[in-house]
Amino acid sequence: MIEFRGAGPAEFGERLDTVIDIYAAAMRPPEDQIHGRTTIMRNHGTYPHFQCYFAELRDSAGGAAPKVVGFAYGFRGAPGQWWHDVVYRALDERAGAEAADAWLGHAFELAEVHVHPDFQGKGIGRAMITTLCAGRRERSAVLSTHDQPTAARHLYASMGFTDLLTQFVFPGGFERYAIVGRPLPLP
C-alpha cells in the first residue's frame, strides 16, 4: 500500500541520499551532475514555505520499514531564487510584465516530482502533486519539464497545467524545457 507522508526541511535534508537515488533512477542524469543536483536540492529545503511529500510503500503486515518510492516538493517562489528570476525574465520578455507577475508573482514552484521507475504509471505522481498543492495559498503552481511528449508532460496537461513558455533553454544549458502553470487550488 502506498501512503503519502509530509516532511519538512530537516527530514528532507536527512533523507537526501534516498531522494537523489530516486531522482537518478527516474531521470538517469549523467553521473557528473549528481553532486550539483544534491547541492541544489539541499538549498531548496531552505526556501520559504518549503513542503515535501514522500510516497512510501508500506508492508501490509506492518513488519518492514516503509520504502520511499517517490517524492515531490515545492516552495513559494520569490525574487532572488535562480529559477524564479530566470523564468520571470523570460516570461516578461515573451508575454509581458502583467503575465509574468500573474503567474510568478505569488506562485508555488513545484521543484521536483519523481517516482521510481518500478512504480511509475500507478497514479503516484498525480497523487503527490494533488497532495502537495492542497491548501496552498499561492495563486498558481508552476514548474519546468522537458519539452517533449513524455509521461510527465502528459500528466501535467491532464491536471490542467498550460504552457507558459515552450522550447525554453535555461542559461548555460542545452535541453529544451516547457514552463507550465495552472491556477490554484487544484480541483
N, C-alpha and C. Protein backbone atom coordinates (compact mmCIF):
# COMPACT_ATOMS: atom_id res chain seq x y z
N MET A 1 0.85 -1.17 0.00
CA MET A 1 0.00 0.00 0.00
C MET A 1 0.90 1.24 0.00
N ILE A 2 0.56 2.21 -0.86
CA ILE A 2 1.31 3.47 -0.94
C ILE A 2 0.62 4.51 -0.06
N GLU A 3 1.41 5.16 0.78
CA GLU A 3 0.92 6.26 1.62
C GLU A 3 1.80 7.47 1.37
N PHE A 4 1.20 8.64 1.56
CA PHE A 4 1.93 9.89 1.36
C PHE A 4 2.14 10.54 2.72
N ARG A 5 3.40 10.91 2.97
CA ARG A 5 3.74 11.48 4.26
C ARG A 5 4.51 12.76 4.05
N GLY A 6 4.06 13.81 4.72
CA GLY A 6 4.73 15.09 4.63
C GLY A 6 6.02 15.10 5.40
N ALA A 7 6.95 15.91 4.93
CA ALA A 7 8.24 16.06 5.60
C ALA A 7 8.68 17.51 5.46
N GLY A 8 9.24 18.03 6.51
CA GLY A 8 9.76 19.39 6.49
C GLY A 8 11.20 19.42 6.02
N PRO A 9 11.79 20.60 6.03
CA PRO A 9 13.16 20.75 5.55
C PRO A 9 14.18 19.86 6.26
N ALA A 10 14.05 19.68 7.57
CA ALA A 10 15.05 18.89 8.30
C ALA A 10 15.03 17.43 7.84
N GLU A 11 13.85 16.83 7.82
CA GLU A 11 13.78 15.43 7.38
C GLU A 11 14.16 15.29 5.92
N PHE A 12 13.75 16.25 5.09
CA PHE A 12 14.14 16.22 3.68
C PHE A 12 15.67 16.16 3.57
N GLY A 13 16.35 17.02 4.31
CA GLY A 13 17.82 17.02 4.29
C GLY A 13 18.41 15.71 4.77
N GLU A 14 17.81 15.13 5.81
CA GLU A 14 18.29 13.85 6.33
C GLU A 14 18.11 12.72 5.33
N ARG A 15 17.11 12.82 4.48
CA ARG A 15 16.80 11.74 3.53
C ARG A 15 17.24 12.07 2.11
N LEU A 16 18.16 13.01 2.00
CA LEU A 16 18.59 13.46 0.67
C LEU A 16 19.23 12.34 -0.15
N ASP A 17 19.93 11.41 0.48
CA ASP A 17 20.51 10.29 -0.28
C ASP A 17 19.42 9.46 -0.95
N THR A 18 18.33 9.19 -0.24
CA THR A 18 17.20 8.44 -0.81
C THR A 18 16.55 9.24 -1.93
N VAL A 19 16.37 10.53 -1.70
CA VAL A 19 15.79 11.42 -2.71
C VAL A 19 16.63 11.39 -3.99
N ILE A 20 17.94 11.51 -3.85
CA ILE A 20 18.85 11.51 -5.01
C ILE A 20 18.81 10.16 -5.72
N ASP A 21 18.73 9.07 -4.98
CA ASP A 21 18.64 7.75 -5.61
C ASP A 21 17.40 7.64 -6.49
N ILE A 22 16.26 8.13 -6.00
CA ILE A 22 15.01 8.09 -6.79
C ILE A 22 15.13 9.03 -7.98
N TYR A 23 15.66 10.22 -7.76
CA TYR A 23 15.87 11.17 -8.85
C TYR A 23 16.74 10.53 -9.95
N ALA A 24 17.85 9.91 -9.56
CA ALA A 24 18.77 9.32 -10.53
C ALA A 24 18.11 8.16 -11.29
N ALA A 25 17.33 7.35 -10.59
CA ALA A 25 16.64 6.23 -11.27
C ALA A 25 15.60 6.74 -12.25
N ALA A 26 14.89 7.79 -11.87
CA ALA A 26 13.81 8.32 -12.71
C ALA A 26 14.35 9.15 -13.88
N MET A 27 15.37 9.95 -13.65
CA MET A 27 15.84 10.90 -14.66
C MET A 27 17.08 10.42 -15.43
N ARG A 28 17.84 9.50 -14.86
CA ARG A 28 19.07 8.99 -15.47
C ARG A 28 20.01 10.11 -15.95
N PRO A 29 20.34 11.03 -15.04
CA PRO A 29 21.25 12.11 -15.44
C PRO A 29 22.68 11.60 -15.54
N PRO A 30 23.54 12.33 -16.24
CA PRO A 30 24.97 11.97 -16.23
C PRO A 30 25.49 11.99 -14.79
N GLU A 31 26.35 11.06 -14.48
CA GLU A 31 26.88 10.92 -13.12
C GLU A 31 27.49 12.22 -12.60
N ASP A 32 28.12 12.99 -13.49
CA ASP A 32 28.79 14.22 -13.04
C ASP A 32 27.81 15.32 -12.64
N GLN A 33 26.52 15.14 -12.86
CA GLN A 33 25.53 16.14 -12.46
C GLN A 33 24.93 15.87 -11.08
N ILE A 34 25.16 14.69 -10.54
CA ILE A 34 24.53 14.31 -9.27
C ILE A 34 24.95 15.23 -8.12
N HIS A 35 26.23 15.54 -8.01
CA HIS A 35 26.69 16.40 -6.91
C HIS A 35 26.02 17.76 -6.96
N GLY A 36 25.96 18.36 -8.15
CA GLY A 36 25.32 19.66 -8.29
C GLY A 36 23.84 19.60 -7.97
N ARG A 37 23.18 18.55 -8.41
CA ARG A 37 21.74 18.39 -8.14
C ARG A 37 21.52 18.23 -6.63
N THR A 38 22.40 17.52 -5.96
CA THR A 38 22.29 17.36 -4.50
C THR A 38 22.39 18.71 -3.81
N THR A 39 23.33 19.53 -4.23
CA THR A 39 23.50 20.87 -3.65
C THR A 39 22.26 21.72 -3.89
N ILE A 40 21.72 21.67 -5.10
CA ILE A 40 20.52 22.44 -5.43
C ILE A 40 19.36 22.00 -4.55
N MET A 41 19.16 20.70 -4.43
CA MET A 41 18.03 20.20 -3.62
C MET A 41 18.20 20.57 -2.15
N ARG A 42 19.40 20.45 -1.63
CA ARG A 42 19.65 20.83 -0.23
C ARG A 42 19.30 22.30 -0.03
N ASN A 43 19.69 23.14 -0.98
CA ASN A 43 19.39 24.57 -0.90
C ASN A 43 17.88 24.83 -0.97
N HIS A 44 17.18 24.08 -1.81
CA HIS A 44 15.72 24.26 -1.91
C HIS A 44 15.04 24.08 -0.55
N GLY A 45 15.56 23.21 0.27
CA GLY A 45 14.98 22.99 1.59
C GLY A 45 15.01 24.22 2.48
N THR A 46 15.78 25.23 2.10
CA THR A 46 15.86 26.46 2.89
C THR A 46 14.90 27.53 2.38
N TYR A 47 14.21 27.29 1.29
CA TYR A 47 13.33 28.29 0.69
C TYR A 47 12.05 28.46 1.49
N PRO A 48 11.41 29.63 1.38
CA PRO A 48 10.21 29.90 2.17
C PRO A 48 9.05 28.96 1.81
N HIS A 49 8.38 28.52 2.84
CA HIS A 49 7.18 27.68 2.70
C HIS A 49 7.48 26.37 1.97
N PHE A 50 8.70 25.82 2.20
CA PHE A 50 9.09 24.53 1.62
C PHE A 50 8.16 23.44 2.13
N GLN A 51 7.76 22.56 1.24
CA GLN A 51 6.90 21.44 1.62
C GLN A 51 7.29 20.23 0.77
N CYS A 52 7.38 19.07 1.39
CA CYS A 52 7.76 17.84 0.71
C CYS A 52 6.80 16.72 1.10
N TYR A 53 6.55 15.83 0.16
CA TYR A 53 5.82 14.59 0.46
C TYR A 53 6.61 13.43 -0.09
N PHE A 54 6.66 12.37 0.71
CA PHE A 54 7.25 11.11 0.29
C PHE A 54 6.12 10.14 0.00
N ALA A 55 6.26 9.38 -1.08
CA ALA A 55 5.37 8.26 -1.36
C ALA A 55 6.06 7.04 -0.80
N GLU A 56 5.42 6.40 0.17
CA GLU A 56 6.04 5.28 0.85
C GLU A 56 5.23 4.00 0.63
N LEU A 57 5.96 2.95 0.29
CA LEU A 57 5.36 1.62 0.17
C LEU A 57 5.43 0.99 1.56
N ARG A 58 4.26 0.70 2.09
CA ARG A 58 4.20 0.13 3.44
C ARG A 58 3.87 -1.35 3.35
N ASP A 59 4.54 -2.12 4.16
CA ASP A 59 4.28 -3.55 4.27
C ASP A 59 2.92 -3.73 4.92
N SER A 60 2.01 -4.45 4.25
CA SER A 60 0.65 -4.61 4.78
C SER A 60 0.65 -5.33 6.12
N ALA A 61 1.67 -6.13 6.39
CA ALA A 61 1.76 -6.80 7.68
C ALA A 61 2.33 -5.88 8.75
N GLY A 62 2.91 -4.76 8.31
CA GLY A 62 3.42 -3.79 9.26
C GLY A 62 4.78 -4.11 9.82
N GLY A 63 5.47 -5.13 9.31
CA GLY A 63 6.76 -5.53 9.87
C GLY A 63 7.94 -4.72 9.37
N ALA A 64 8.00 -4.49 8.08
CA ALA A 64 9.16 -3.80 7.50
C ALA A 64 8.97 -2.29 7.53
N ALA A 65 10.09 -1.59 7.57
CA ALA A 65 10.05 -0.14 7.49
C ALA A 65 9.55 0.26 6.11
N PRO A 66 8.83 1.37 6.00
CA PRO A 66 8.34 1.79 4.69
C PRO A 66 9.49 2.11 3.74
N LYS A 67 9.26 1.83 2.46
CA LYS A 67 10.25 2.12 1.42
C LYS A 67 9.78 3.33 0.63
N VAL A 68 10.64 4.35 0.52
CA VAL A 68 10.30 5.53 -0.25
C VAL A 68 10.41 5.19 -1.74
N VAL A 69 9.32 5.40 -2.48
CA VAL A 69 9.28 5.09 -3.92
C VAL A 69 9.07 6.35 -4.76
N GLY A 70 8.84 7.48 -4.11
CA GLY A 70 8.67 8.73 -4.83
C GLY A 70 8.74 9.90 -3.88
N PHE A 71 8.94 11.07 -4.44
CA PHE A 71 8.94 12.29 -3.64
C PHE A 71 8.53 13.46 -4.53
N ALA A 72 7.98 14.45 -3.90
CA ALA A 72 7.65 15.70 -4.57
C ALA A 72 7.84 16.82 -3.57
N TYR A 73 8.37 17.94 -4.04
CA TYR A 73 8.49 19.07 -3.14
C TYR A 73 8.39 20.37 -3.92
N GLY A 74 8.09 21.40 -3.16
CA GLY A 74 8.00 22.73 -3.73
C GLY A 74 8.09 23.77 -2.63
N PHE A 75 7.96 25.02 -3.05
CA PHE A 75 8.10 26.15 -2.13
C PHE A 75 7.54 27.38 -2.82
N ARG A 76 7.39 28.43 -2.07
CA ARG A 76 6.93 29.69 -2.65
C ARG A 76 8.09 30.34 -3.39
N GLY A 77 7.88 30.60 -4.65
CA GLY A 77 8.89 31.27 -5.45
C GLY A 77 9.03 32.72 -5.03
N ALA A 78 10.24 33.24 -5.14
CA ALA A 78 10.48 34.63 -4.72
C ALA A 78 11.66 35.20 -5.49
N PRO A 79 11.66 36.53 -5.68
CA PRO A 79 12.82 37.16 -6.30
C PRO A 79 14.08 36.80 -5.53
N GLY A 80 15.15 36.58 -6.29
CA GLY A 80 16.42 36.17 -5.68
C GLY A 80 16.67 34.68 -5.81
N GLN A 81 15.65 33.91 -6.14
CA GLN A 81 15.82 32.48 -6.40
C GLN A 81 16.11 32.32 -7.89
N TRP A 82 17.11 31.52 -8.22
CA TRP A 82 17.59 31.43 -9.59
C TRP A 82 16.48 31.07 -10.59
N TRP A 83 15.77 29.95 -10.36
CA TRP A 83 14.73 29.51 -11.31
C TRP A 83 13.66 30.60 -11.45
N HIS A 84 13.21 31.13 -10.34
CA HIS A 84 12.18 32.16 -10.36
C HIS A 84 12.62 33.35 -11.21
N ASP A 85 13.81 33.85 -10.97
CA ASP A 85 14.28 35.04 -11.67
C ASP A 85 14.46 34.79 -13.17
N VAL A 86 15.03 33.65 -13.53
CA VAL A 86 15.26 33.33 -14.94
C VAL A 86 13.93 33.19 -15.68
N VAL A 87 13.00 32.46 -15.09
CA VAL A 87 11.71 32.23 -15.74
C VAL A 87 10.89 33.52 -15.77
N TYR A 88 10.92 34.29 -14.70
CA TYR A 88 10.19 35.56 -14.67
C TYR A 88 10.66 36.48 -15.81
N ARG A 89 11.98 36.62 -15.95
CA ARG A 89 12.52 37.47 -17.02
C ARG A 89 12.09 36.97 -18.40
N ALA A 90 12.16 35.67 -18.62
CA ALA A 90 11.80 35.11 -19.93
C ALA A 90 10.31 35.31 -20.21
N LEU A 91 9.47 35.09 -19.20
CA LEU A 91 8.03 35.27 -19.39
C LEU A 91 7.70 36.75 -19.62
N ASP A 92 8.38 37.62 -18.90
CA ASP A 92 8.22 39.07 -19.10
C ASP A 92 8.56 39.45 -20.54
N GLU A 93 9.70 38.92 -21.04
CA GLU A 93 10.13 39.24 -22.41
C GLU A 93 9.14 38.71 -23.46
N ARG A 94 8.60 37.53 -23.23
CA ARG A 94 7.73 36.91 -24.25
C ARG A 94 6.26 37.27 -24.13
N ALA A 95 5.79 37.51 -22.90
CA ALA A 95 4.35 37.74 -22.72
C ALA A 95 4.03 39.04 -21.99
N GLY A 96 5.02 39.72 -21.46
CA GLY A 96 4.81 40.98 -20.77
C GLY A 96 4.84 40.85 -19.26
N ALA A 97 5.06 41.98 -18.62
CA ALA A 97 5.19 42.01 -17.16
C ALA A 97 3.92 41.58 -16.46
N GLU A 98 2.77 41.92 -17.02
CA GLU A 98 1.50 41.54 -16.38
C GLU A 98 1.35 40.02 -16.32
N ALA A 99 1.68 39.34 -17.40
CA ALA A 99 1.60 37.87 -17.41
C ALA A 99 2.63 37.26 -16.46
N ALA A 100 3.86 37.80 -16.48
CA ALA A 100 4.90 37.28 -15.59
C ALA A 100 4.49 37.42 -14.14
N ASP A 101 3.92 38.58 -13.78
CA ASP A 101 3.50 38.78 -12.40
C ASP A 101 2.29 37.92 -12.05
N ALA A 102 1.37 37.76 -12.99
CA ALA A 102 0.19 36.94 -12.71
C ALA A 102 0.57 35.50 -12.42
N TRP A 103 1.53 34.96 -13.17
CA TRP A 103 1.92 33.57 -12.98
C TRP A 103 2.96 33.37 -11.89
N LEU A 104 3.90 34.30 -11.76
CA LEU A 104 5.03 34.08 -10.85
C LEU A 104 5.07 35.03 -9.67
N GLY A 105 4.15 35.99 -9.61
CA GLY A 105 4.16 36.97 -8.53
C GLY A 105 3.85 36.38 -7.17
N HIS A 106 3.09 35.33 -7.13
CA HIS A 106 2.74 34.66 -5.87
C HIS A 106 2.49 33.19 -6.20
N ALA A 107 3.58 32.49 -6.58
CA ALA A 107 3.47 31.13 -7.12
C ALA A 107 4.08 30.09 -6.20
N PHE A 108 3.50 28.91 -6.26
CA PHE A 108 4.07 27.71 -5.65
C PHE A 108 4.87 27.02 -6.73
N GLU A 109 6.17 26.91 -6.52
CA GLU A 109 7.03 26.27 -7.51
C GLU A 109 7.20 24.80 -7.16
N LEU A 110 6.68 23.96 -8.04
CA LEU A 110 6.86 22.52 -7.91
C LEU A 110 8.25 22.21 -8.44
N ALA A 111 9.21 22.10 -7.54
CA ALA A 111 10.61 21.97 -7.95
C ALA A 111 10.95 20.58 -8.45
N GLU A 112 10.47 19.57 -7.78
CA GLU A 112 10.79 18.19 -8.15
C GLU A 112 9.59 17.29 -7.88
N VAL A 113 9.31 16.41 -8.84
CA VAL A 113 8.28 15.38 -8.72
C VAL A 113 8.86 14.14 -9.39
N HIS A 114 9.20 13.12 -8.60
CA HIS A 114 9.84 11.93 -9.17
C HIS A 114 9.31 10.67 -8.51
N VAL A 115 9.10 9.66 -9.33
CA VAL A 115 8.66 8.34 -8.87
C VAL A 115 9.65 7.33 -9.42
N HIS A 116 10.08 6.40 -8.59
CA HIS A 116 11.00 5.35 -9.05
C HIS A 116 10.36 4.63 -10.23
N PRO A 117 11.13 4.32 -11.27
CA PRO A 117 10.56 3.69 -12.47
C PRO A 117 9.75 2.43 -12.20
N ASP A 118 10.10 1.66 -11.17
CA ASP A 118 9.34 0.44 -10.86
C ASP A 118 7.92 0.74 -10.39
N PHE A 119 7.64 2.01 -10.05
CA PHE A 119 6.33 2.37 -9.50
C PHE A 119 5.62 3.43 -10.35
N GLN A 120 6.18 3.76 -11.49
CA GLN A 120 5.54 4.75 -12.36
C GLN A 120 4.31 4.17 -13.02
N GLY A 121 3.39 5.06 -13.42
CA GLY A 121 2.18 4.64 -14.11
C GLY A 121 1.09 4.13 -13.20
N LYS A 122 1.23 4.38 -11.91
CA LYS A 122 0.25 3.90 -10.92
C LYS A 122 -0.50 5.04 -10.24
N GLY A 123 -0.36 6.27 -10.75
CA GLY A 123 -1.05 7.41 -10.18
C GLY A 123 -0.34 8.07 -9.02
N ILE A 124 0.88 7.63 -8.72
CA ILE A 124 1.61 8.18 -7.58
C ILE A 124 2.01 9.63 -7.82
N GLY A 125 2.51 9.94 -9.00
CA GLY A 125 2.90 11.32 -9.31
C GLY A 125 1.72 12.27 -9.21
N ARG A 126 0.59 11.89 -9.79
CA ARG A 126 -0.62 12.71 -9.73
C ARG A 126 -1.05 12.92 -8.27
N ALA A 127 -1.04 11.86 -7.49
CA ALA A 127 -1.46 11.96 -6.09
C ALA A 127 -0.50 12.84 -5.28
N MET A 128 0.80 12.75 -5.57
CA MET A 128 1.75 13.60 -4.84
C MET A 128 1.54 15.07 -5.18
N ILE A 129 1.31 15.37 -6.47
CA ILE A 129 1.08 16.77 -6.86
C ILE A 129 -0.19 17.29 -6.21
N THR A 130 -1.25 16.50 -6.25
CA THR A 130 -2.52 16.90 -5.64
C THR A 130 -2.35 17.14 -4.14
N THR A 131 -1.65 16.23 -3.47
CA THR A 131 -1.42 16.36 -2.03
C THR A 131 -0.55 17.57 -1.73
N LEU A 132 0.50 17.75 -2.51
CA LEU A 132 1.42 18.86 -2.29
C LEU A 132 0.75 20.22 -2.48
N CYS A 133 -0.17 20.30 -3.44
CA CYS A 133 -0.82 21.58 -3.75
C CYS A 133 -2.05 21.86 -2.87
N ALA A 134 -2.54 20.85 -2.18
CA ALA A 134 -3.74 21.03 -1.36
C ALA A 134 -3.51 22.07 -0.27
N GLY A 135 -4.40 23.03 -0.20
CA GLY A 135 -4.33 24.04 0.86
C GLY A 135 -3.30 25.13 0.64
N ARG A 136 -2.60 25.12 -0.48
CA ARG A 136 -1.61 26.17 -0.72
C ARG A 136 -2.33 27.50 -0.91
N ARG A 137 -1.71 28.58 -0.46
CA ARG A 137 -2.33 29.90 -0.54
C ARG A 137 -1.86 30.71 -1.75
N GLU A 138 -0.90 30.17 -2.49
CA GLU A 138 -0.41 30.88 -3.66
C GLU A 138 -1.49 30.91 -4.75
N ARG A 139 -1.34 31.83 -5.70
CA ARG A 139 -2.29 31.96 -6.82
C ARG A 139 -2.14 30.86 -7.84
N SER A 140 -0.91 30.39 -8.03
CA SER A 140 -0.65 29.45 -9.11
C SER A 140 0.40 28.43 -8.69
N ALA A 141 0.45 27.35 -9.47
CA ALA A 141 1.52 26.36 -9.35
C ALA A 141 2.25 26.37 -10.69
N VAL A 142 3.58 26.39 -10.65
CA VAL A 142 4.39 26.43 -11.86
C VAL A 142 5.52 25.41 -11.75
N LEU A 143 5.99 24.95 -12.91
CA LEU A 143 7.10 24.01 -12.94
C LEU A 143 7.71 23.98 -14.31
N SER A 144 8.88 23.37 -14.42
CA SER A 144 9.51 23.15 -15.72
C SER A 144 9.63 21.66 -15.95
N THR A 145 9.48 21.27 -17.22
CA THR A 145 9.57 19.87 -17.61
C THR A 145 10.17 19.80 -19.01
N HIS A 146 10.78 18.70 -19.35
CA HIS A 146 11.34 18.56 -20.70
C HIS A 146 10.24 18.80 -21.72
N ASP A 147 10.55 19.58 -22.74
CA ASP A 147 9.56 19.93 -23.76
C ASP A 147 9.56 18.87 -24.86
N GLN A 148 9.04 17.73 -24.50
CA GLN A 148 8.86 16.62 -25.43
C GLN A 148 7.71 15.77 -24.91
N PRO A 149 7.18 14.88 -25.72
CA PRO A 149 5.99 14.12 -25.30
C PRO A 149 6.32 13.00 -24.31
N THR A 150 6.56 13.39 -23.07
CA THR A 150 6.88 12.43 -22.01
C THR A 150 5.63 12.14 -21.18
N ALA A 151 5.72 11.11 -20.36
CA ALA A 151 4.62 10.79 -19.44
C ALA A 151 4.39 11.96 -18.48
N ALA A 152 5.46 12.60 -18.04
CA ALA A 152 5.32 13.73 -17.11
C ALA A 152 4.58 14.88 -17.80
N ARG A 153 4.96 15.18 -19.02
CA ARG A 153 4.31 16.28 -19.76
C ARG A 153 2.82 15.99 -19.93
N HIS A 154 2.49 14.74 -20.22
CA HIS A 154 1.09 14.34 -20.35
C HIS A 154 0.36 14.48 -19.01
N LEU A 155 1.01 14.05 -17.93
CA LEU A 155 0.40 14.16 -16.60
C LEU A 155 0.07 15.61 -16.28
N TYR A 156 1.02 16.51 -16.48
CA TYR A 156 0.77 17.92 -16.14
C TYR A 156 -0.38 18.48 -16.98
N ALA A 157 -0.41 18.17 -18.26
CA ALA A 157 -1.51 18.65 -19.11
C ALA A 157 -2.85 18.10 -18.64
N SER A 158 -2.87 16.83 -18.23
CA SER A 158 -4.12 16.23 -17.78
C SER A 158 -4.61 16.84 -16.46
N MET A 159 -3.70 17.50 -15.74
CA MET A 159 -4.06 18.15 -14.48
C MET A 159 -4.36 19.64 -14.68
N GLY A 160 -4.39 20.08 -15.92
CA GLY A 160 -4.77 21.46 -16.21
C GLY A 160 -3.63 22.44 -16.31
N PHE A 161 -2.39 21.96 -16.30
CA PHE A 161 -1.25 22.86 -16.47
C PHE A 161 -1.18 23.26 -17.95
N THR A 162 -0.98 24.54 -18.21
CA THR A 162 -0.88 25.03 -19.58
C THR A 162 0.52 25.59 -19.83
N ASP A 163 0.89 25.61 -21.08
CA ASP A 163 2.22 26.11 -21.46
C ASP A 163 2.31 27.61 -21.25
N LEU A 164 3.33 28.03 -20.54
CA LEU A 164 3.65 29.44 -20.40
C LEU A 164 4.82 29.80 -21.31
N LEU A 165 5.79 28.91 -21.39
CA LEU A 165 6.93 29.04 -22.29
C LEU A 165 7.23 27.66 -22.85
N THR A 166 7.58 27.58 -24.12
CA THR A 166 8.00 26.31 -24.71
C THR A 166 9.36 26.49 -25.36
N GLN A 167 10.02 25.36 -25.58
CA GLN A 167 11.35 25.37 -26.20
C GLN A 167 12.30 26.32 -25.46
N PHE A 168 12.15 26.35 -24.14
CA PHE A 168 12.94 27.26 -23.32
C PHE A 168 14.25 26.57 -22.91
N VAL A 169 15.36 27.27 -23.08
CA VAL A 169 16.66 26.76 -22.69
C VAL A 169 17.18 27.62 -21.54
N PHE A 170 17.44 26.98 -20.41
CA PHE A 170 17.97 27.72 -19.26
C PHE A 170 19.40 28.19 -19.54
N PRO A 171 19.81 29.32 -18.97
CA PRO A 171 21.18 29.81 -19.18
C PRO A 171 22.20 28.73 -18.84
N GLY A 172 23.15 28.54 -19.75
CA GLY A 172 24.20 27.54 -19.54
C GLY A 172 23.78 26.14 -19.92
N GLY A 173 22.52 25.95 -20.30
CA GLY A 173 22.03 24.63 -20.64
C GLY A 173 21.88 24.43 -22.13
N PHE A 174 21.36 23.28 -22.49
CA PHE A 174 21.12 22.97 -23.90
C PHE A 174 19.79 22.26 -24.11
N GLU A 175 19.24 21.65 -23.04
CA GLU A 175 17.97 20.94 -23.17
C GLU A 175 16.82 21.94 -23.25
N ARG A 176 15.79 21.56 -23.98
CA ARG A 176 14.62 22.42 -24.15
C ARG A 176 13.55 22.02 -23.13
N TYR A 177 13.01 23.04 -22.47
CA TYR A 177 12.00 22.83 -21.43
C TYR A 177 10.72 23.56 -21.77
N ALA A 178 9.65 23.08 -21.20
CA ALA A 178 8.39 23.81 -21.18
C ALA A 178 8.20 24.30 -19.75
N ILE A 179 7.80 25.54 -19.62
CA ILE A 179 7.42 26.09 -18.32
C ILE A 179 5.90 26.07 -18.35
N VAL A 180 5.30 25.39 -17.37
CA VAL A 180 3.85 25.24 -17.35
C VAL A 180 3.30 25.74 -16.02
N GLY A 181 2.03 26.13 -16.05
CA GLY A 181 1.40 26.62 -14.83
C GLY A 181 -0.09 26.38 -14.86
N ARG A 182 -0.67 26.47 -13.68
CA ARG A 182 -2.13 26.40 -13.56
C ARG A 182 -2.53 27.15 -12.30
N PRO A 183 -3.72 27.73 -12.32
CA PRO A 183 -4.20 28.41 -11.11
C PRO A 183 -4.42 27.41 -9.98
N LEU A 184 -4.25 27.92 -8.77
CA LEU A 184 -4.60 27.13 -7.58
C LEU A 184 -5.91 27.65 -7.04
N PRO A 185 -6.69 26.86 -6.36
CA PRO A 185 -6.41 25.48 -5.97
C PRO A 185 -6.65 24.49 -7.10
N LEU A 186 -6.07 23.30 -6.95
CA LEU A 186 -6.37 22.20 -7.87
C LEU A 186 -7.78 21.73 -7.54
N PRO A 187 -8.49 21.17 -8.54
CA PRO A 187 -9.84 20.65 -8.24
C PRO A 187 -9.78 19.44 -7.33
